[in-house]
Amino acid sequence: MIRGIGVDIVDLARFTRQVERTPGLIPRLFAEGERELPVHSLAARFAAKEALIKALGDSAGTTWRELEIASDPQGNPSFVLHESLRAIMAFRQVTSVHVTMTHDAGVACAFVVLEGDL
């Protein structure tokens, strides 16, 4: 059963300007393992975090850094299930999180689907 869906889109040029103008955004928004990625990958991860928040309904109980995204060896993204996210998922009866991200033509986009049992 679908428990939530979320989508977000980020303008790459605007995101790049914000990051250059405010260097403190990177450590505030991204986990240590995400910080060295290229800006287009960071923008896609930011969109995914926003999409997850929309799918959940809010971000209460967690931080931006705890909404970490990792990729498997084939490049498939997934959220790292830190304790705070696991607790939110359990409270909302979410058993799995699906995420996809892309960047092209000056934008980054992400889509998240939350599934749970009845």
PDB file of N, CA and C in Angstrom:
ATOM      1  N   MET A   1       0.834  -1.168   0.000  1.00  0.00           N
ATOM      2  CA  MET A   1       0.000   0.000   0.000  1.00  0.00           C
ATOM      3  C   MET A   1       0.888   1.245   0.000  1.00  0.00           C
ATOM      4  N   ILE A   2       0.566   2.207  -0.823  1.00  0.00           N
ATOM      5  CA  ILE A   2       1.342   3.447  -0.873  1.00  0.00           C
ATOM      6  C   ILE A   2       0.959   4.314   0.326  1.00  0.00           C
ATOM      7  N   ARG A   3       1.963   4.718   1.078  1.00  0.00           N
ATOM      8  CA  ARG A   3       1.785   5.566   2.258  1.00  0.00           C
ATOM      9  C   ARG A   3       2.063   7.036   1.965  1.00  0.00           C
ATOM     10  N   GLY A   4       2.807   7.310   0.888  1.00  0.00           N
ATOM     11  CA  GLY A   4       3.102   8.694   0.550  1.00  0.00           C
ATOM     12  C   GLY A   4       3.897   8.781  -0.731  1.00  0.00           C
ATOM     13  N   ILE A   5       3.753   9.899  -1.419  1.00  0.00           N
ATOM     14  CA  ILE A   5       4.560  10.184  -2.605  1.00  0.00           C
ATOM     15  C   ILE A   5       5.033  11.626  -2.506  1.00  0.00           C
ATOM     16  N   GLY A   6       6.169  11.885  -3.096  1.00  0.00           N
ATOM     17  CA  GLY A   6       6.697  13.246  -3.119  1.00  0.00           C
ATOM     18  C   GLY A   6       7.575  13.442  -4.326  1.00  0.00           C
ATOM     19  N   VAL A   7       7.573  14.651  -4.841  1.00  0.00           N
ATOM     20  CA  VAL A   7       8.405  14.999  -5.979  1.00  0.00           C
ATOM     21  C   VAL A   7       8.956  16.401  -5.740  1.00  0.00           C
ATOM     22  N   ASP A   8      10.155  16.658  -6.236  1.00  0.00           N
ATOM     23  CA  ASP A   8      10.722  17.999  -6.132  1.00  0.00           C
ATOM     24  C   ASP A   8      11.657  18.230  -7.314  1.00  0.00           C
ATOM     25  N   ILE A   9      11.781  19.479  -7.686  1.00  0.00           N
ATOM     26  CA  ILE A   9      12.650  19.879  -8.787  1.00  0.00           C
ATOM     27  C   ILE A   9      13.489  21.066  -8.323  1.00  0.00           C
ATOM     28  N   VAL A  10      14.754  21.084  -8.717  1.00  0.00           N
ATOM     29  CA  VAL A  10      15.696  22.122  -8.309  1.00  0.00           C
ATOM     30  C   VAL A  10      16.347  22.711  -9.550  1.00  0.00           C
ATOM     31  N   ASP A  11      16.357  24.023  -9.642  1.00  0.00           N
ATOM     32  CA  ASP A  11      17.054  24.729 -10.717  1.00  0.00           C
ATOM     33  C   ASP A  11      18.553  24.673 -10.416  1.00  0.00           C
ATOM     34  N   LEU A  12      19.328  24.053 -11.292  1.00  0.00           N
ATOM     35  CA  LEU A  12      20.755  23.853 -11.032  1.00  0.00           C
ATOM     36  C   LEU A  12      21.527  25.162 -10.908  1.00  0.00           C
ATOM     37  N   ALA A  13      21.245  26.129 -11.762  1.00  0.00           N
ATOM     38  CA  ALA A  13      21.967  27.404 -11.703  1.00  0.00           C
ATOM     39  C   ALA A  13      21.685  28.111 -10.382  1.00  0.00           C
ATOM     40  N   ARG A  14      20.441  28.136  -9.976  1.00  0.00           N
ATOM     41  CA  ARG A  14      20.070  28.796  -8.716  1.00  0.00           C
ATOM     42  C   ARG A  14      20.703  28.069  -7.530  1.00  0.00           C
ATOM     43  N   PHE A  15      20.665  26.740  -7.535  1.00  0.00           N
ATOM     44  CA  PHE A  15      21.262  25.951  -6.461  1.00  0.00           C
ATOM     45  C   PHE A  15      22.763  26.228  -6.379  1.00  0.00           C
ATOM     46  N   THR A  16      23.430  26.252  -7.530  1.00  0.00           N
ATOM     47  CA  THR A  16      24.871  26.518  -7.576  1.00  0.00           C
ATOM     48  C   THR A  16      25.176  27.896  -6.994  1.00  0.00           C
ATOM     49  N   ARG A  17      24.394  28.902  -7.375  1.00  0.00           N
ATOM     50  CA  ARG A  17      24.600  30.253  -6.836  1.00  0.00           C
ATOM     51  C   ARG A  17      24.432  30.274  -5.319  1.00  0.00           C
ATOM     52  N   GLN A  18      23.420  29.597  -4.814  1.00  0.00           N
ATOM     53  CA  GLN A  18      23.174  29.570  -3.372  1.00  0.00           C
ATOM     54  C   GLN A  18      24.333  28.912  -2.629  1.00  0.00           C
ATOM     55  N   VAL A  19      24.831  27.812  -3.171  1.00  0.00           N
ATOM     56  CA  VAL A  19      25.936  27.102  -2.528  1.00  0.00           C
ATOM     57  C   VAL A  19      27.207  27.958  -2.554  1.00  0.00           C
ATOM     58  N   GLU A  20      27.459  28.633  -3.658  1.00  0.00           N
ATOM     59  CA  GLU A  20      28.639  29.490  -3.755  1.00  0.00           C
ATOM     60  C   GLU A  20      28.511  30.696  -2.836  1.00  0.00           C
ATOM     61  N   ARG A  21      27.326  31.253  -2.729  1.00  0.00           N
ATOM     62  CA  ARG A  21      27.085  32.438  -1.911  1.00  0.00           C
ATOM     63  C   ARG A  21      27.093  32.109  -0.419  1.00  0.00           C
ATOM     64  N   THR A  22      26.647  30.901  -0.069  1.00  0.00           N
ATOM     65  CA  THR A  22      26.525  30.499   1.335  1.00  0.00           C
ATOM     66  C   THR A  22      27.185  29.133   1.527  1.00  0.00           C
ATOM     67  N   PRO A  23      28.520  29.105   1.666  1.00  0.00           N
ATOM     68  CA  PRO A  23      29.229  27.816   1.783  1.00  0.00           C
ATOM     69  C   PRO A  23      28.762  26.953   2.958  1.00  0.00           C
ATOM     70  N   GLY A  24      28.186  27.554   3.986  1.00  0.00           N
ATOM     71  CA  GLY A  24      27.708  26.787   5.133  1.00  0.00           C
ATOM     72  C   GLY A  24      26.507  25.907   4.823  1.00  0.00           C
ATOM     73  N   LEU A  25      25.909  26.092   3.654  1.00  0.00           N
ATOM     74  CA  LEU A  25      24.762  25.254   3.287  1.00  0.00           C
ATOM     75  C   LEU A  25      25.156  23.789   3.127  1.00  0.00           C
ATOM     76  N   ILE A  26      26.312  23.543   2.564  1.00  0.00           N
ATOM     77  CA  ILE A  26      26.728  22.154   2.303  1.00  0.00           C
ATOM     78  C   ILE A  26      26.791  21.344   3.604  1.00  0.00           C
ATOM     79  N   PRO A  27      27.524  21.788   4.622  1.00  0.00           N
ATOM     80  CA  PRO A  27      27.549  20.979   5.854  1.00  0.00           C
ATOM     81  C   PRO A  27      26.211  20.958   6.596  1.00  0.00           C
ATOM     82  N   ARG A  28      25.363  21.951   6.387  1.00  0.00           N
ATOM     83  CA  ARG A  28      24.066  21.970   7.055  1.00  0.00           C
ATOM     84  C   ARG A  28      23.069  21.020   6.396  1.00  0.00           C
ATOM     85  N   LEU A  29      23.156  20.870   5.073  1.00  0.00           N
ATOM     86  CA  LEU A  29      22.163  20.087   4.326  1.00  0.00           C
ATOM     87  C   LEU A  29      22.580  18.663   4.006  1.00  0.00           C
ATOM     88  N   PHE A  30      23.883  18.389   4.027  1.00  0.00           N
ATOM     89  CA  PHE A  30      24.356  17.103   3.523  1.00  0.00           C
ATOM     90  C   PHE A  30      25.221  16.369   4.536  1.00  0.00           C
ATOM     91  N   ALA A  31      25.053  15.048   4.571  1.00  0.00           N
ATOM     92  CA  ALA A  31      25.874  14.182   5.416  1.00  0.00           C
ATOM     93  C   ALA A  31      27.312  14.216   4.905  1.00  0.00           C
ATOM     94  N   GLU A  32      28.215  13.866   5.757  1.00  0.00           N
ATOM     95  CA  GLU A  32      29.634  13.923   5.404  1.00  0.00           C
ATOM     96  C   GLU A  32      29.943  13.162   4.114  1.00  0.00           C
ATOM     97  N   GLY A  33      29.342  12.022   3.924  1.00  0.00           N
ATOM     98  CA  GLY A  33      29.601  11.221   2.734  1.00  0.00           C
ATOM     99  C   GLY A  33      29.046  11.799   1.442  1.00  0.00           C
ATOM    100  N   GLU A  34      28.167  12.790   1.551  1.00  0.00           N
ATOM    101  CA  GLU A  34      27.576  13.412   0.364  1.00  0.00           C
ATOM    102  C   GLU A  34      28.321  14.679  -0.065  1.00  0.00           C
ATOM    103  N   ARG A  35      29.031  15.303   0.821  1.00  0.00           N
ATOM    104  CA  ARG A  35      29.549  16.663   0.641  1.00  0.00           C
ATOM    105  C   ARG A  35      30.531  16.859  -0.497  1.00  0.00           C
ATOM    106  N   GLU A  36      31.258  15.846  -0.874  1.00  0.00           N
ATOM    107  CA  GLU A  36      32.276  15.989  -1.923  1.00  0.00           C
ATOM    108  C   GLU A  36      31.743  15.726  -3.333  1.00  0.00           C
ATOM    109  N   LEU A  37      30.462  15.450  -3.446  1.00  0.00           N
ATOM    110  CA  LEU A  37      29.866  15.163  -4.757  1.00  0.00           C
ATOM    111  C   LEU A  37      29.780  16.427  -5.603  1.00  0.00           C
ATOM    112  N   PRO A  38      29.707  16.284  -6.924  1.00  0.00           N
ATOM    113  CA  PRO A  38      29.532  17.458  -7.792  1.00  0.00           C
ATOM    114  C   PRO A  38      28.200  18.157  -7.492  1.00  0.00           C
ATOM    115  N   VAL A  39      28.152  19.429  -7.808  1.00  0.00           N
ATOM    116  CA  VAL A  39      26.985  20.242  -7.458  1.00  0.00           C
ATOM    117  C   VAL A  39      25.689  19.702  -8.065  1.00  0.00           C
ATOM    118  N   HIS A  40      25.734  19.135  -9.286  1.00  0.00           N
ATOM    119  CA  HIS A  40      24.498  18.598  -9.869  1.00  0.00           C
ATOM    120  C   HIS A  40      23.999  17.390  -9.071  1.00  0.00           C
ATOM    121  N   SER A  41      24.916  16.608  -8.505  1.00  0.00           N
ATOM    122  CA  SER A  41      24.513  15.475  -7.661  1.00  0.00           C
ATOM    123  C   SER A  41      23.955  15.960  -6.326  1.00  0.00           C
ATOM    124  N   LEU A  42      24.544  17.025  -5.787  1.00  0.00           N
ATOM    125  CA  LEU A  42      24.022  17.601  -4.552  1.00  0.00           C
ATOM    126  C   LEU A  42      22.613  18.153  -4.773  1.00  0.00           C
ATOM    127  N   ALA A  43      22.408  18.805  -5.900  1.00  0.00           N
ATOM    128  CA  ALA A  43      21.084  19.348  -6.210  1.00  0.00           C
ATOM    129  C   ALA A  43      20.058  18.227  -6.314  1.00  0.00           C
ATOM    130  N   ALA A  44      20.416  17.119  -6.939  1.00  0.00           N
ATOM    131  CA  ALA A  44      19.495  15.986  -7.048  1.00  0.00           C
ATOM    132  C   ALA A  44      19.207  15.398  -5.672  1.00  0.00           C
ATOM    133  N   ARG A  45      20.220  15.325  -4.824  1.00  0.00           N
ATOM    134  CA  ARG A  45      20.005  14.818  -3.467  1.00  0.00           C
ATOM    135  C   ARG A  45      19.134  15.772  -2.652  1.00  0.00           C
ATOM    136  N   PHE A  46      19.343  17.072  -2.837  1.00  0.00           N
ATOM    137  CA  PHE A  46      18.480  18.041  -2.165  1.00  0.00           C
ATOM    138  C   PHE A  46      17.031  17.841  -2.606  1.00  0.00           C
ATOM    139  N   ALA A  47      16.809  17.658  -3.899  1.00  0.00           N
ATOM    140  CA  ALA A  47      15.451  17.414  -4.409  1.00  0.00           C
ATOM    141  C   ALA A  47      14.879  16.136  -3.802  1.00  0.00           C
ATOM    142  N   ALA A  48      15.695  15.106  -3.653  1.00  0.00           N
ATOM    143  CA  ALA A  48      15.223  13.846  -3.071  1.00  0.00           C
ATOM    144  C   ALA A  48      14.839  14.024  -1.606  1.00  0.00           C
ATOM    145  N   LYS A  49      15.634  14.798  -0.871  1.00  0.00           N
ATOM    146  CA  LYS A  49      15.309  15.051   0.531  1.00  0.00           C
ATOM    147  C   LYS A  49      13.992  15.817   0.642  1.00  0.00           C
ATOM    148  N   GLU A  50      13.811  16.813  -0.215  1.00  0.00           N
ATOM    149  CA  GLU A  50      12.551  17.571  -0.245  1.00  0.00           C
ATOM    150  C   GLU A  50      11.386  16.646  -0.614  1.00  0.00           C
ATOM    151  N   ALA A  51      11.588  15.772  -1.585  1.00  0.00           N
ATOM    152  CA  ALA A  51      10.534  14.844  -1.999  1.00  0.00           C
ATOM    153  C   ALA A  51      10.185  13.888  -0.860  1.00  0.00           C
ATOM    154  N   LEU A  52      11.174  13.434  -0.100  1.00  0.00           N
ATOM    155  CA  LEU A  52      10.900  12.557   1.042  1.00  0.00           C
ATOM    156  C   LEU A  52      10.090  13.296   2.099  1.00  0.00           C
ATOM    157  N   ILE A  53      10.457  14.538   2.386  1.00  0.00           N
ATOM    158  CA  ILE A  53       9.718  15.325   3.367  1.00  0.00           C
ATOM    159  C   ILE A  53       8.262  15.482   2.923  1.00  0.00           C
ATOM    160  N   LYS A  54       8.053  15.731   1.633  1.00  0.00           N
ATOM    161  CA  LYS A  54       6.681  15.846   1.113  1.00  0.00           C
ATOM    162  C   LYS A  54       5.936  14.527   1.246  1.00  0.00           C
ATOM    163  N   ALA A  55       6.606  13.419   0.966  1.00  0.00           N
ATOM    164  CA  ALA A  55       5.959  12.106   1.071  1.00  0.00           C
ATOM    165  C   ALA A  55       5.603  11.784   2.520  1.00  0.00           C
ATOM    166  N   LEU A  56       6.462  12.190   3.453  1.00  0.00           N
ATOM    167  CA  LEU A  56       6.206  11.945   4.876  1.00  0.00           C
ATOM    168  C   LEU A  56       5.190  12.916   5.456  1.00  0.00           C
ATOM    169  N   GLY A  57       5.078  14.086   4.867  1.00  0.00           N
ATOM    170  CA  GLY A  57       4.164  15.099   5.382  1.00  0.00           C
ATOM    171  C   GLY A  57       4.856  16.212   6.140  1.00  0.00           C
ATOM    172  N   ASP A  58       6.032  15.935   6.690  1.00  0.00           N
ATOM    173  CA  ASP A  58       6.855  16.951   7.354  1.00  0.00           C
ATOM    174  C   ASP A  58       8.230  16.358   7.653  1.00  0.00           C
ATOM    175  N   SER A  59       9.083  17.167   8.287  1.00  0.00           N
ATOM    176  CA  SER A  59      10.431  16.689   8.598  1.00  0.00           C
ATOM    177  C   SER A  59      10.670  16.619  10.098  1.00  0.00           C
ATOM    178  N   ALA A  60       9.614  16.660  10.880  1.00  0.00           N
ATOM    179  CA  ALA A  60       9.748  16.621  12.338  1.00  0.00           C
ATOM    180  C   ALA A  60      10.459  15.343  12.771  1.00  0.00           C
ATOM    181  N   GLY A  61      11.439  15.500  13.649  1.00  0.00           N
ATOM    182  CA  GLY A  61      12.130  14.351  14.216  1.00  0.00           C
ATOM    183  C   GLY A  61      13.421  13.978  13.532  1.00  0.00           C
ATOM    184  N   THR A  62      13.815  14.712  12.506  1.00  0.00           N
ATOM    185  CA  THR A  62      15.054  14.395  11.813  1.00  0.00           C
ATOM    186  C   THR A  62      15.725  15.686  11.338  1.00  0.00           C
ATOM    187  N   THR A  63      16.921  15.552  10.818  1.00  0.00           N
ATOM    188  CA  THR A  63      17.647  16.704  10.283  1.00  0.00           C
ATOM    189  C   THR A  63      17.988  16.437   8.817  1.00  0.00           C
ATOM    190  N   TRP A  64      18.362  17.499   8.117  1.00  0.00           N
ATOM    191  CA  TRP A  64      18.748  17.355   6.709  1.00  0.00           C
ATOM    192  C   TRP A  64      19.884  16.347   6.551  1.00  0.00           C
ATOM    193  N   ARG A  65      20.869  16.394   7.439  1.00  0.00           N
ATOM    194  CA  ARG A  65      22.023  15.486   7.325  1.00  0.00           C
ATOM    195  C   ARG A  65      21.624  14.034   7.552  1.00  0.00           C
ATOM    196  N   GLU A  66      20.572  13.815   8.358  1.00  0.00           N
ATOM    197  CA  GLU A  66      20.118  12.448   8.605  1.00  0.00           C
ATOM    198  C   GLU A  66      19.284  11.898   7.450  1.00  0.00           C
ATOM    199  N   LEU A  67      18.888  12.742   6.524  1.00  0.00           N
ATOM    200  CA  LEU A  67      18.187  12.289   5.317  1.00  0.00           C
ATOM    201  C   LEU A  67      19.240  12.025   4.245  1.00  0.00           C
ATOM    202  N   GLU A  68      20.170  11.171   4.575  1.00  0.00           N
ATOM    203  CA  GLU A  68      21.322  10.885   3.725  1.00  0.00           C
ATOM    204  C   GLU A  68      20.956   9.922   2.595  1.00  0.00           C
ATOM    205  N   ILE A  69      21.549  10.178   1.443  1.00  0.00           N
ATOM    206  CA  ILE A  69      21.334   9.313   0.282  1.00  0.00           C
ATOM    207  C   ILE A  69      22.663   8.691  -0.108  1.00  0.00           C
ATOM    208  N   ALA A  70      22.637   7.388  -0.292  1.00  0.00           N
ATOM    209  CA  ALA A  70      23.815   6.647  -0.751  1.00  0.00           C
ATOM    210  C   ALA A  70      23.457   5.965  -2.061  1.00  0.00           C
ATOM    211  N   SER A  71      24.470   5.576  -2.787  1.00  0.00           N
ATOM    212  CA  SER A  71      24.258   4.852  -4.046  1.00  0.00           C
ATOM    213  C   SER A  71      24.969   3.510  -3.977  1.00  0.00           C
ATOM    214  N   ASP A  72      24.332   2.493  -4.556  1.00  0.00           N
ATOM    215  CA  ASP A  72      24.970   1.186  -4.616  1.00  0.00           C
ATOM    216  C   ASP A  72      26.014   1.195  -5.739  1.00  0.00           C
ATOM    217  N   PRO A  73      26.756   0.104  -5.921  1.00  0.00           N
ATOM    218  CA  PRO A  73      27.802   0.085  -6.955  1.00  0.00           C
ATOM    219  C   PRO A  73      27.296   0.366  -8.376  1.00  0.00           C
ATOM    220  N   GLN A  74      26.024   0.106  -8.635  1.00  0.00           N
ATOM    221  CA  GLN A  74      25.453   0.382  -9.957  1.00  0.00           C
ATOM    222  C   GLN A  74      24.939   1.826 -10.065  1.00  0.00           C
ATOM    223  N   GLY A  75      25.013   2.591  -8.980  1.00  0.00           N
ATOM    224  CA  GLY A  75      24.566   3.973  -8.993  1.00  0.00           C
ATOM    225  C   GLY A  75      23.124   4.178  -8.579  1.00  0.00           C
ATOM    226  N   ASN A  76      22.453   3.132  -8.129  1.00  0.00           N
ATOM    227  CA  ASN A  76      21.055   3.251  -7.695  1.00  0.00           C
ATOM    228  C   ASN A  76      20.987   3.912  -6.322  1.00  0.00           C
ATOM    229  N   PRO A  77      20.220   4.984  -6.183  1.00  0.00           N
ATOM    230  CA  PRO A  77      20.169   5.694  -4.904  1.00  0.00           C
ATOM    231  C   PRO A  77      19.203   5.055  -3.916  1.00  0.00           C
ATOM    232  N   SER A  78      19.495   5.274  -2.638  1.00  0.00           N
ATOM    233  CA  SER A  78      18.573   4.874  -1.570  1.00  0.00           C
ATOM    234  C   SER A  78      18.867   5.745  -0.355  1.00  0.00           C
ATOM    235  N   PHE A  79      17.860   5.902   0.499  1.00  0.00           N
ATOM    236  CA  PHE A  79      18.070   6.642   1.733  1.00  0.00           C
ATOM    237  C   PHE A  79      18.756   5.750   2.747  1.00  0.00           C
ATOM    238  N   VAL A  80      19.719   6.299   3.447  1.00  0.00           N
ATOM    239  CA  VAL A  80      20.361   5.603   4.558  1.00  0.00           C
ATOM    240  C   VAL A  80      19.383   5.691   5.727  1.00  0.00           C
ATOM    241  N   LEU A  81      19.047   4.572   6.307  1.00  0.00           N
ATOM    242  CA  LEU A  81      18.022   4.543   7.354  1.00  0.00           C
ATOM    243  C   LEU A  81      18.646   4.786   8.728  1.00  0.00           C
ATOM    244  N   HIS A  82      19.003   6.062   8.963  1.00  0.00           N
ATOM    245  CA  HIS A  82      19.483   6.458  10.285  1.00  0.00           C
ATOM    246  C   HIS A  82      18.352   6.262  11.284  1.00  0.00           C
ATOM    247  N   GLU A  83      18.696   6.231  12.547  1.00  0.00           N
ATOM    248  CA  GLU A  83      17.706   5.943  13.595  1.00  0.00           C
ATOM    249  C   GLU A  83      16.502   6.874  13.536  1.00  0.00           C
ATOM    250  N   SER A  84      16.729   8.155  13.299  1.00  0.00           N
ATOM    251  CA  SER A  84      15.602   9.097  13.275  1.00  0.00           C
ATOM    252  C   SER A  84      14.633   8.779  12.137  1.00  0.00           C
ATOM    253  N   LEU A  85      15.154   8.437  10.967  1.00  0.00           N
ATOM    254  CA  LEU A  85      14.282   8.113   9.830  1.00  0.00           C
ATOM    255  C   LEU A  85      13.564   6.790  10.067  1.00  0.00           C
ATOM    256  N   ARG A  86      14.250   5.822  10.649  1.00  0.00           N
ATOM    257  CA  ARG A  86      13.589   4.549  10.982  1.00  0.00           C
ATOM    258  C   ARG A  86      12.422   4.764  11.938  1.00  0.00           C
ATOM    259  N   ALA A  87      12.603   5.648  12.920  1.00  0.00           N
ATOM    260  CA  ALA A  87      11.537   5.921  13.891  1.00  0.00           C
ATOM    261  C   ALA A  87      10.341   6.585  13.214  1.00  0.00           C
ATOM    262  N   ILE A  88      10.603   7.537  12.339  1.00  0.00           N
ATOM    263  CA  ILE A  88       9.522   8.214  11.612  1.00  0.00           C
ATOM    264  C   ILE A  88       8.778   7.213  10.734  1.00  0.00           C
ATOM    265  N   MET A  89       9.541   6.356  10.042  1.00  0.00           N
ATOM    266  CA  MET A  89       8.923   5.355   9.181  1.00  0.00           C
ATOM    267  C   MET A  89       8.051   4.398   9.998  1.00  0.00           C
ATOM    268  N   ALA A  90       8.528   3.966  11.138  1.00  0.00           N
ATOM    269  CA  ALA A  90       7.757   3.055  11.980  1.00  0.00           C
ATOM    270  C   ALA A  90       6.471   3.735  12.456  1.00  0.00           C
ATOM    271  N   PHE A  91       6.578   4.988  12.884  1.00  0.00           N
ATOM    272  CA  PHE A  91       5.399   5.719  13.354  1.00  0.00           C
ATOM    273  C   PHE A  91       4.362   5.851  12.247  1.00  0.00           C
ATOM    274  N   ARG A  92       4.816   6.076  11.019  1.00  0.00           N
ATOM    275  CA  ARG A  92       3.902   6.264   9.886  1.00  0.00           C
ATOM    276  C   ARG A  92       3.603   4.959   9.155  1.00  0.00           C
ATOM    277  N   GLN A  93       4.059   3.852   9.708  1.00  0.00           N
ATOM    278  CA  GLN A  93       3.830   2.512   9.158  1.00  0.00           C
ATOM    279  C   GLN A  93       4.383   2.366   7.738  1.00  0.00           C
ATOM    280  N   VAL A  94       5.549   2.937   7.517  1.00  0.00           N
ATOM    281  CA  VAL A  94       6.240   2.834   6.230  1.00  0.00           C
ATOM    282  C   VAL A  94       7.246   1.693   6.338  1.00  0.00           C
ATOM    283  N   THR A  95       7.189   0.765   5.387  1.00  0.00           N
ATOM    284  CA  THR A  95       8.108  -0.373   5.399  1.00  0.00           C
ATOM    285  C   THR A  95       9.203  -0.271   4.351  1.00  0.00           C
ATOM    286  N   SER A  96       9.010   0.553   3.320  1.00  0.00           N
ATOM    287  CA  SER A  96      10.071   0.738   2.325  1.00  0.00           C
ATOM    288  C   SER A  96       9.958   2.112   1.672  1.00  0.00           C
ATOM    289  N   VAL A  97      11.125   2.602   1.264  1.00  0.00           N
ATOM    290  CA  VAL A  97      11.245   3.908   0.621  1.00  0.00           C
ATOM    291  C   VAL A  97      11.898   3.693  -0.735  1.00  0.00           C
ATOM    292  N   HIS A  98      11.285   4.230  -1.777  1.00  0.00           N
ATOM    293  CA  HIS A  98      11.839   4.161  -3.125  1.00  0.00           C
ATOM    294  C   HIS A  98      12.171   5.585  -3.568  1.00  0.00           C
ATOM    295  N   VAL A  99      13.332   5.766  -4.156  1.00  0.00           N
ATOM    296  CA  VAL A  99      13.743   7.093  -4.608  1.00  0.00           C
ATOM    297  C   VAL A  99      14.417   6.987  -5.965  1.00  0.00           C
ATOM    298  N   THR A 100      14.136   7.958  -6.815  1.00  0.00           N
ATOM    299  CA  THR A 100      14.842   8.086  -8.074  1.00  0.00           C
ATOM    300  C   THR A 100      15.198   9.553  -8.263  1.00  0.00           C
ATOM    301  N   MET A 101      16.354   9.799  -8.862  1.00  0.00           N
ATOM    302  CA  MET A 101      16.838  11.160  -9.069  1.00  0.00           C
ATOM    303  C   MET A 101      17.373  11.283 -10.490  1.00  0.00           C
ATOM    304  N   THR A 102      17.311  12.504 -11.018  1.00  0.00           N
ATOM    305  CA  THR A 102      17.880  12.770 -12.332  1.00  0.00           C
ATOM    306  C   THR A 102      18.279  14.230 -12.414  1.00  0.00           C
ATOM    307  N   HIS A 103      19.170  14.536 -13.342  1.00  0.00           N
ATOM    308  CA  HIS A 103      19.517  15.932 -13.619  1.00  0.00           C
ATOM    309  C   HIS A 103      19.814  16.052 -15.106  1.00  0.00           C
ATOM    310  N   ASP A 104      19.201  17.077 -15.727  1.00  0.00           N
ATOM    311  CA  ASP A 104      19.360  17.320 -17.154  1.00  0.00           C
ATOM    312  C   ASP A 104      18.730  18.672 -17.474  1.00  0.00           C
ATOM    313  N   ALA A 105      19.190  19.303 -18.514  1.00  0.00           N
ATOM    314  CA  ALA A 105      18.595  20.547 -19.025  1.00  0.00           C
ATOM    315  C   ALA A 105      18.457  21.618 -17.953  1.00  0.00           C
ATOM    316  N   GLY A 106      19.443  21.689 -17.058  1.00  0.00           N
ATOM    317  CA  GLY A 106      19.451  22.751 -16.069  1.00  0.00           C
ATOM    318  C   GLY A 106      18.619  22.521 -14.823  1.00  0.00           C
ATOM    319  N   VAL A 107      18.067  21.310 -14.653  1.00  0.00           N
ATOM    320  CA  VAL A 107      17.287  21.012 -13.457  1.00  0.00           C
ATOM    321  C   VAL A 107      17.677  19.650 -12.877  1.00  0.00           C
ATOM    322  N   ALA A 108      17.431  19.506 -11.595  1.00  0.00           N
ATOM    323  CA  ALA A 108      17.550  18.211 -10.923  1.00  0.00           C
ATOM    324  C   ALA A 108      16.167  17.881 -10.388  1.00  0.00           C
ATOM    325  N   CYS A 109      15.799  16.619 -10.481  1.00  0.00           N
ATOM    326  CA  CYS A 109      14.460  16.205 -10.077  1.00  0.00           C
ATOM    327  C   CYS A 109      14.566  14.895  -9.302  1.00  0.00           C
ATOM    328  N   ALA A 110      13.658  14.729  -8.334  1.00  0.00           N
ATOM    329  CA  ALA A 110      13.609  13.478  -7.573  1.00  0.00           C
ATOM    330  C   ALA A 110      12.165  13.120  -7.282  1.00  0.00           C
ATOM    331  N   PHE A 111      11.930  11.829  -7.170  1.00  0.00           N
ATOM    332  CA  PHE A 111      10.606  11.277  -6.874  1.00  0.00           C
ATOM    333  C   PHE A 111      10.762  10.219  -5.797  1.00  0.00           C
ATOM    334  N   VAL A 112       9.887  10.256  -4.788  1.00  0.00           N
ATOM    335  CA  VAL A 112       9.940   9.313  -3.681  1.00  0.00           C
ATOM    336  C   VAL A 112       8.564   8.659  -3.506  1.00  0.00           C
ATOM    337  N   VAL A 113       8.573   7.362  -3.285  1.00  0.00           N
ATOM    338  CA  VAL A 113       7.352   6.615  -2.975  1.00  0.00           C
ATOM    339  C   VAL A 113       7.598   5.875  -1.664  1.00  0.00           C
ATOM    340  N   LEU A 114       6.643   6.006  -0.741  1.00  0.00           N
ATOM    341  CA  LEU A 114       6.683   5.287   0.538  1.00  0.00           C
ATOM    342  C   LEU A 114       5.647   4.179   0.501  1.00  0.00           C
ATOM    343  N   GLU A 115       6.053   2.980   0.902  1.00  0.00           N
ATOM    344  CA  GLU A 115       5.135   1.850   0.957  1.00  0.00           C
ATOM    345  C   GLU A 115       5.001   1.353   2.398  1.00  0.00           C
ATOM    346  N   GLY A 116       3.856   0.768   2.685  1.00  0.00           N
ATOM    347  CA  GLY A 116       3.641   0.183   3.995  1.00  0.00           C
ATOM    348  C   GLY A 116       2.578  -0.884   3.934  1.00  0.00           C
ATOM    349  N   ASP A 117       2.517  -1.667   4.994  1.00  0.00           N
ATOM    350  CA  ASP A 117       1.481  -2.699   5.088  1.00  0.00           C
ATOM    351  C   ASP A 117       0.170  -2.056   5.499  1.00  0.00           C
ATOM    352  N   LEU A 118      -0.919  -2.788   5.311  1.00  0.00           N
ATOM    353  CA  LEU A 118      -2.241  -2.283   5.710  1.00  0.00           C
ATOM    354  C   LEU A 118      -2.352  -2.065   7.180  1.00  0.00           C
TER     355      LEU A 118
END
